[in-house]
PDB file of N, CA and C in Angstrom:
ATOM      1  N   MET A   1     120.496 102.433  96.240  1.00  0.00           N
ATOM      2  CA  MET A   1     120.702 103.434  95.852  1.00  0.00           C
ATOM      3  C   MET A   1     121.033 104.060  94.988  1.00  0.00           C
ATOM      4  N   ALA A   2     120.533 104.933  94.091  1.00  0.00           N
ATOM      5  CA  ALA A   2     121.175 105.295  92.237  1.00  0.00           C
ATOM      6  C   ALA A   2     122.269 106.016  92.297  1.00  0.00           C
ATOM      7  N   THR A   3     123.197 105.901  91.335  1.00  0.00           N
ATOM      8  CA  THR A   3     124.538 106.668  91.777  1.00  0.00           C
ATOM      9  C   THR A   3     124.301 107.707  90.533  1.00  0.00           C
ATOM     10  N   SER A   4     124.789 109.027  90.467  1.00  0.00           N
ATOM     11  CA  SER A   4     125.214 109.969  89.512  1.00  0.00           C
ATOM     12  C   SER A   4     126.112 109.558  88.657  1.00  0.00           C
ATOM     13  N   PRO A   5     125.558 110.200  87.431  1.00  0.00           N
ATOM     14  CA  PRO A   5     127.440 109.539  86.382  1.00  0.00           C
ATOM     15  C   PRO A   5     128.144 110.403  87.047  1.00  0.00           C
ATOM     16  N   ALA A   6     129.716 109.790  86.724  1.00  0.00           N
ATOM     17  CA  ALA A   6     130.733 110.677  86.683  1.00  0.00           C
ATOM     18  C   ALA A   6     130.961 112.061  86.384  1.00  0.00           C
ATOM     19  N   ARG A   7     131.287 113.318  87.215  1.00  0.00           N
ATOM     20  CA  ARG A   7     131.447 114.507  86.666  1.00  0.00           C
ATOM     21  C   ARG A   7     132.690 114.407  85.709  1.00  0.00           C
ATOM     22  N   LYS A   8     132.892 114.973  84.564  1.00  0.00           N
ATOM     23  CA  LYS A   8     133.834 114.787  83.990  1.00  0.00           C
ATOM     24  C   LYS A   8     134.608 116.125  84.076  1.00  0.00           C
ATOM     25  N   VAL A   9     136.471 115.605  84.417  1.00  0.00           N
ATOM     26  CA  VAL A   9     137.058 116.682  84.381  1.00  0.00           C
ATOM     27  C   VAL A   9     137.987 116.551  83.615  1.00  0.00           C
ATOM     28  N   ALA A  10     137.733 118.095  83.652  1.00  0.00           N
ATOM     29  CA  ALA A  10     138.967 118.844  82.456  1.00  0.00           C
ATOM     30  C   ALA A  10     140.032 118.154  82.486  1.00  0.00           C
ATOM     31  N   SER A  11     141.256 118.197  81.742  1.00  0.00           N
ATOM     32  CA  SER A  11     142.520 118.009  81.601  1.00  0.00           C
ATOM     33  C   SER A  11     142.840 119.545  81.991  1.00  0.00           C
ATOM     34  N   PHE A  12     144.352 119.738  82.489  1.00  0.00           N
ATOM     35  CA  PHE A  12     145.046 120.961  82.462  1.00  0.00           C
ATOM     36  C   PHE A  12     145.458 121.344  81.358  1.00  0.00           C
ATOM     37  N   GLN A  13     145.199 122.783  80.696  1.00  0.00           N
ATOM     38  CA  GLN A  13     145.777 123.368  79.763  1.00  0.00           C
ATOM     39  C   GLN A  13     147.004 124.508  80.373  1.00  0.00           C
ATOM     40  N   GLN A  14     147.668 124.575  79.370  1.00  0.00           N
ATOM     41  CA  GLN A  14     148.876 125.455  79.780  1.00  0.00           C
ATOM     42  C   GLN A  14     148.791 126.639  79.173  1.00  0.00           C
ATOM     43  N   GLY A  15     149.428 127.864  79.923  1.00  0.00           N
ATOM     44  CA  GLY A  15     148.760 129.165  79.477  1.00  0.00           C
ATOM     45  C   GLY A  15     150.083 130.306  80.226  1.00  0.00           C
ATOM     46  N   VAL A  16     149.685 131.327  80.336  1.00  0.00           N
ATOM     47  CA  VAL A  16     150.201 132.320  81.104  1.00  0.00           C
ATOM     48  C   VAL A  16     149.482 133.270  82.057  1.00  0.00           C
ATOM     49  N   VAL A  17     149.991 133.711  83.010  1.00  0.00           N
ATOM     50  CA  VAL A  17     149.232 134.732  83.482  1.00  0.00           C
ATOM     51  C   VAL A  17     149.737 136.448  82.990  1.00  0.00           C
ATOM     52  N   SER A  18     148.454 136.705  82.366  1.00  0.00           N
ATOM     53  CA  SER A  18     148.215 137.728  81.956  1.00  0.00           C
ATOM     54  C   SER A  18     147.951 139.418  82.225  1.00  0.00           C
ATOM     55  N   ARG A  19     147.592 138.983  83.483  1.00  0.00           N
ATOM     56  CA  ARG A  19     146.958 140.112  84.382  1.00  0.00           C
ATOM     57  C   ARG A  19     147.010 139.380  86.085  1.00  0.00           C
ATOM     58  N   LEU A  20     147.265 140.358  86.875  1.00  0.00           N
ATOM     59  CA  LEU A  20     146.956 140.370  88.423  1.00  0.00           C
ATOM     60  C   LEU A  20     146.571 142.085  88.797  1.00  0.00           C
ATOM     61  N   ASN A  21     145.857 141.526  89.953  1.00  0.00           N
ATOM     62  CA  ASN A  21     145.337 142.377  90.516  1.00  0.00           C
ATOM     63  C   ASN A  21     145.406 142.040  92.119  1.00  0.00           C
ATOM     64  N   ARG A  22     146.419 142.201  92.447  1.00  0.00           N
ATOM     65  CA  ARG A  22     147.052 141.828  93.905  1.00  0.00           C
ATOM     66  C   ARG A  22     145.924 141.972  95.083  1.00  0.00           C
ATOM     67  N   SER A  23     145.421 143.337  94.753  1.00  0.00           N
ATOM     68  CA  SER A  23     144.638 144.242  95.980  1.00  0.00           C
ATOM     69  C   SER A  23     143.264 143.474  95.850  1.00  0.00           C
ATOM     70  N   ALA A  24     142.814 143.195  94.496  1.00  0.00           N
ATOM     71  CA  ALA A  24     141.466 142.351  94.450  1.00  0.00           C
ATOM     72  C   ALA A  24     141.522 140.868  94.938  1.00  0.00           C
ATOM     73  N   GLU A  25     142.892 140.565  94.569  1.00  0.00           N
ATOM     74  CA  GLU A  25     142.754 139.059  95.130  1.00  0.00           C
ATOM     75  C   GLU A  25     142.177 138.183  93.764  1.00  0.00           C
ATOM     76  N   PHE A  26     142.637 138.812  92.336  1.00  0.00           N
ATOM     77  CA  PHE A  26     142.367 137.947  91.555  1.00  0.00           C
ATOM     78  C   PHE A  26     143.023 138.243  89.793  1.00  0.00           C
ATOM     79  N   GLY A  27     143.202 137.268  89.151  1.00  0.00           N
ATOM     80  CA  GLY A  27     144.609 137.598  88.102  1.00  0.00           C
ATOM     81  C   GLY A  27     143.547 137.156  86.639  1.00  0.00           C
ATOM     82  N   TYR A  28     144.267 137.089  85.568  1.00  0.00           N
ATOM     83  CA  TYR A  28     143.829 136.495  84.544  1.00  0.00           C
ATOM     84  C   TYR A  28     144.703 135.451  83.670  1.00  0.00           C
ATOM     85  N   VAL A  29     144.235 134.541  83.022  1.00  0.00           N
ATOM     86  CA  VAL A  29     145.470 133.523  82.387  1.00  0.00           C
ATOM     87  C   VAL A  29     145.109 133.611  81.344  1.00  0.00           C
ATOM     88  N   SER A  30     145.969 133.411  80.073  1.00  0.00           N
ATOM     89  CA  SER A  30     145.402 133.176  78.743  1.00  0.00           C
ATOM     90  C   SER A  30     145.920 131.798  78.232  1.00  0.00           C
ATOM     91  N   ASP A  31     145.309 131.466  77.704  1.00  0.00           N
ATOM     92  CA  ASP A  31     145.780 129.986  77.305  1.00  0.00           C
ATOM     93  C   ASP A  31     146.927 130.132  76.326  1.00  0.00           C
ATOM     94  N   ARG A  32     147.754 128.901  76.032  1.00  0.00           N
ATOM     95  CA  ARG A  32     148.659 129.005  75.083  1.00  0.00           C
ATOM     96  C   ARG A  32     148.723 129.294  73.995  1.00  0.00           C
ATOM     97  N   GLN A  33     147.521 129.528  73.196  1.00  0.00           N
ATOM     98  CA  GLN A  33     147.332 130.259  71.973  1.00  0.00           C
ATOM     99  C   GLN A  33     147.295 131.417  72.162  1.00  0.00           C
ATOM    100  N   GLY A  34     146.730 132.055  73.095  1.00  0.00           N
ATOM    101  CA  GLY A  34     146.432 133.559  73.648  1.00  0.00           C
ATOM    102  C   GLY A  34     145.138 133.650  72.930  1.00  0.00           C
ATOM    103  N   GLU A  35     144.244 132.538  72.451  1.00  0.00           N
ATOM    104  CA  GLU A  35     143.088 132.939  71.702  1.00  0.00           C
ATOM    105  C   GLU A  35     142.101 132.991  73.479  1.00  0.00           C
ATOM    106  N   HIS A  36     142.120 133.082  74.139  1.00  0.00           N
ATOM    107  CA  HIS A  36     141.040 132.724  75.566  1.00  0.00           C
ATOM    108  C   HIS A  36     142.003 133.184  76.771  1.00  0.00           C
ATOM    109  N   VAL A  37     141.269 133.768  77.474  1.00  0.00           N
ATOM    110  CA  VAL A  37     141.241 134.713  78.937  1.00  0.00           C
ATOM    111  C   VAL A  37     140.514 134.219  79.786  1.00  0.00           C
ATOM    112  N   TYR A  38     140.777 133.687  80.794  1.00  0.00           N
ATOM    113  CA  TYR A  38     139.690 133.373  82.114  1.00  0.00           C
ATOM    114  C   TYR A  38     140.386 133.888  83.389  1.00  0.00           C
ATOM    115  N   ILE A  39     139.450 134.153  84.322  1.00  0.00           N
ATOM    116  CA  ILE A  39     139.641 134.983  85.395  1.00  0.00           C
ATOM    117  C   ILE A  39     140.098 133.834  86.596  1.00  0.00           C
ATOM    118  N   PHE A  40     140.721 133.743  87.304  1.00  0.00           N
ATOM    119  CA  PHE A  40     140.821 133.016  88.588  1.00  0.00           C
ATOM    120  C   PHE A  40     141.046 133.915  89.605  1.00  0.00           C
ATOM    121  N   VAL A  41     140.476 133.098  91.080  1.00  0.00           N
ATOM    122  CA  VAL A  41     140.864 134.322  92.392  1.00  0.00           C
ATOM    123  C   VAL A  41     141.327 133.593  93.527  1.00  0.00           C
ATOM    124  N   PHE A  42     142.491 134.277  93.953  1.00  0.00           N
ATOM    125  CA  PHE A  42     143.496 133.718  95.082  1.00  0.00           C
ATOM    126  C   PHE A  42     142.423 132.811  95.917  1.00  0.00           C
ATOM    127  N   GLY A  43     142.858 132.027  96.509  1.00  0.00           N
ATOM    128  CA  GLY A  43     142.205 131.257  97.737  1.00  0.00           C
ATOM    129  C   GLY A  43     141.166 130.316  96.927  1.00  0.00           C
ATOM    130  N   ARG A  44     140.753 130.247  95.873  1.00  0.00           N
ATOM    131  CA  ARG A  44     140.072 129.657  95.509  1.00  0.00           C
ATOM    132  C   ARG A  44     140.588 128.776  93.932  1.00  0.00           C
ATOM    133  N   ALA A  45     141.197 129.122  93.277  1.00  0.00           N
ATOM    134  CA  ALA A  45     142.007 128.352  91.951  1.00  0.00           C
ATOM    135  C   ALA A  45     143.401 128.230  92.313  1.00  0.00           C
ATOM    136  N   LEU A  46     143.903 128.834  93.738  1.00  0.00           N
ATOM    137  CA  LEU A  46     145.042 128.421  94.437  1.00  0.00           C
ATOM    138  C   LEU A  46     145.121 128.978  95.236  1.00  0.00           C
ATOM    139  N   PRO A  47     146.011 128.350  96.169  1.00  0.00           N
ATOM    140  CA  PRO A  47     146.140 128.876  97.617  1.00  0.00           C
ATOM    141  C   PRO A  47     146.710 130.400  97.444  1.00  0.00           C
ATOM    142  N   ARG A  48     146.298 131.186  98.758  1.00  0.00           N
ATOM    143  CA  ARG A  48     146.994 132.348  98.591  1.00  0.00           C
ATOM    144  C   ARG A  48     148.468 132.479  98.591  1.00  0.00           C
ATOM    145  N   ARG A  49     148.847 131.484  99.474  1.00  0.00           N
ATOM    146  CA  ARG A  49     150.444 131.628  99.679  1.00  0.00           C
ATOM    147  C   ARG A  49     151.188 131.276  98.501  1.00  0.00           C
ATOM    148  N   GLU A  50     150.410 130.326  97.396  1.00  0.00           N
ATOM    149  CA  GLU A  50     151.112 130.288  96.156  1.00  0.00           C
ATOM    150  C   GLU A  50     151.013 131.524  95.322  1.00  0.00           C
ATOM    151  N   ALA A  51     150.037 132.611  95.638  1.00  0.00           N
ATOM    152  CA  ALA A  51     149.696 133.498  94.820  1.00  0.00           C
ATOM    153  C   ALA A  51     150.757 134.643  94.969  1.00  0.00           C
ATOM    154  N   ALA A  52     151.653 134.780  95.998  1.00  0.00           N
ATOM    155  CA  ALA A  52     153.029 135.617  95.873  1.00  0.00           C
ATOM    156  C   ALA A  52     153.789 135.295  95.094  1.00  0.00           C
ATOM    157  N   ARG A  53     154.003 133.935  94.533  1.00  0.00           N
ATOM    158  CA  ARG A  53     154.782 133.307  93.644  1.00  0.00           C
ATOM    159  C   ARG A  53     154.330 134.040  92.392  1.00  0.00           C
ATOM    160  N   LEU A  54     153.238 134.269  92.087  1.00  0.00           N
ATOM    161  CA  LEU A  54     152.884 134.697  90.799  1.00  0.00           C
ATOM    162  C   LEU A  54     153.107 136.075  90.479  1.00  0.00           C
ATOM    163  N   ALA A  55     153.689 136.303  88.689  1.00  0.00           N
ATOM    164  CA  ALA A  55     154.132 137.192  88.422  1.00  0.00           C
ATOM    165  C   ALA A  55     152.852 137.288  86.879  1.00  0.00           C
ATOM    166  N   GLU A  56     153.154 138.669  86.686  1.00  0.00           N
ATOM    167  CA  GLU A  56     152.673 138.694  84.962  1.00  0.00           C
ATOM    168  C   GLU A  56     153.812 138.048  84.148  1.00  0.00           C
ATOM    169  N   GLY A  57     153.206 137.026  83.054  1.00  0.00           N
ATOM    170  CA  GLY A  57     153.854 136.259  82.144  1.00  0.00           C
ATOM    171  C   GLY A  57     154.860 135.001  82.858  1.00  0.00           C
ATOM    172  N   SER A  58     153.925 134.750  84.280  1.00  0.00           N
ATOM    173  CA  SER A  58     154.302 133.300  84.570  1.00  0.00           C
ATOM    174  C   SER A  58     154.010 132.482  83.772  1.00  0.00           C
ATOM    175  N   ARG A  59     154.515 130.962  83.841  1.00  0.00           N
ATOM    176  CA  ARG A  59     153.897 130.082  83.023  1.00  0.00           C
ATOM    177  C   ARG A  59     153.040 129.271  84.283  1.00  0.00           C
ATOM    178  N   VAL A  60     151.810 128.720  83.876  1.00  0.00           N
ATOM    179  CA  VAL A  60     151.321 128.107  84.651  1.00  0.00           C
ATOM    180  C   VAL A  60     150.565 126.768  83.830  1.00  0.00           C
ATOM    181  N   LYS A  61     149.321 126.043  84.738  1.00  0.00           N
ATOM    182  CA  LYS A  61     148.371 124.624  84.011  1.00  0.00           C
ATOM    183  C   LYS A  61     147.198 125.206  84.861  1.00  0.00           C
ATOM    184  N   PHE A  62     146.437 124.947  84.234  1.00  0.00           N
ATOM    185  CA  PHE A  62     145.133 125.414  84.974  1.00  0.00           C
ATOM    186  C   PHE A  62     143.907 124.585  84.278  1.00  0.00           C
ATOM    187  N   ARG A  63     142.706 124.290  85.322  1.00  0.00           N
ATOM    188  CA  ARG A  63     141.526 123.746  84.508  1.00  0.00           C
ATOM    189  C   ARG A  63     140.616 124.576  84.748  1.00  0.00           C
ATOM    190  N   VAL A  64     139.664 124.953  83.795  1.00  0.00           N
ATOM    191  CA  VAL A  64     138.579 126.000  83.673  1.00  0.00           C
ATOM    192  C   VAL A  64     137.255 124.924  83.992  1.00  0.00           C
ATOM    193  N   SER A  65     136.531 125.998  84.728  1.00  0.00           N
ATOM    194  CA  SER A  65     134.857 125.257  84.923  1.00  0.00           C
ATOM    195  C   SER A  65     134.246 125.299  83.564  1.00  0.00           C
ATOM    196  N   GLY A  66     132.835 124.975  84.120  1.00  0.00           N
ATOM    197  CA  GLY A  66     131.975 125.103  82.620  1.00  0.00           C
ATOM    198  C   GLY A  66     131.489 126.578  82.709  1.00  0.00           C
ATOM    199  N   GLU A  67     131.634 127.235  83.472  1.00  0.00           N
ATOM    200  CA  GLU A  67     131.581 128.533  83.499  1.00  0.00           C
ATOM    201  C   GLU A  67     132.582 130.136  83.448  1.00  0.00           C
ATOM    202  N   GLY A  68     133.647 129.072  82.787  1.00  0.00           N
ATOM    203  CA  GLY A  68     134.595 129.877  81.774  1.00  0.00           C
ATOM    204  C   GLY A  68     135.626 130.471  82.917  1.00  0.00           C
ATOM    205  N   ARG A  69     135.737 129.804  84.504  1.00  0.00           N
ATOM    206  CA  ARG A  69     136.527 130.317  85.660  1.00  0.00           C
ATOM    207  C   ARG A  69     137.487 129.368  86.011  1.00  0.00           C
ATOM    208  N   VAL A  70     138.721 130.082  86.240  1.00  0.00           N
ATOM    209  CA  VAL A  70     139.389 128.626  86.259  1.00  0.00           C
ATOM    210  C   VAL A  70     139.475 128.221  87.955  1.00  0.00           C
ATOM    211  N   ASP A  71     139.451 126.824  87.938  1.00  0.00           N
ATOM    212  CA  ASP A  71     139.173 125.735  89.345  1.00  0.00           C
ATOM    213  C   ASP A  71     140.444 126.048  89.607  1.00  0.00           C
ATOM    214  N   GLU A  72     141.268 125.645  89.169  1.00  0.00           N
ATOM    215  CA  GLU A  72     142.465 125.266  89.589  1.00  0.00           C
ATOM    216  C   GLU A  72     143.746 125.600  88.577  1.00  0.00           C
ATOM    217  N   LEU A  73     144.570 126.149  89.478  1.00  0.00           N
ATOM    218  CA  LEU A  73     145.723 127.000  88.630  1.00  0.00           C
ATOM    219  C   LEU A  73     147.043 126.597  89.617  1.00  0.00           C
ATOM    220  N   VAL A  74     148.252 126.071  88.570  1.00  0.00           N
ATOM    221  CA  VAL A  74     149.615 125.631  89.644  1.00  0.00           C
ATOM    222  C   VAL A  74     150.418 126.319  88.441  1.00  0.00           C
ATOM    223  N   LEU A  75     151.532 126.699  89.073  1.00  0.00           N
ATOM    224  CA  LEU A  75     152.770 126.878  88.635  1.00  0.00           C
ATOM    225  C   LEU A  75     153.605 126.049  87.454  1.00  0.00           C
ATOM    226  N   ALA A  76     153.551 126.271  86.591  1.00  0.00           N
ATOM    227  CA  ALA A  76     154.408 125.544  85.438  1.00  0.00           C
ATOM    228  C   ALA A  76     155.785 125.411  85.520  1.00  0.00           C
TER     229      ALA A  76
END
């Protein structure tokens, strides 16, 4: 049986939550340099229970998919 090549896993970047839309359950995170902004979705990038702990300006670590969306987000 053939095996597929290992998927490259992006390392965590550091950044801050730049905007939150709690009613629509998504937000935006900016990288540490402030050059890029990425979208994240509650329940997908982080558990909904963790979303309650986020505020604009919260320091976070995150991984970005090849599509420019945050795959994983954790409080720093």
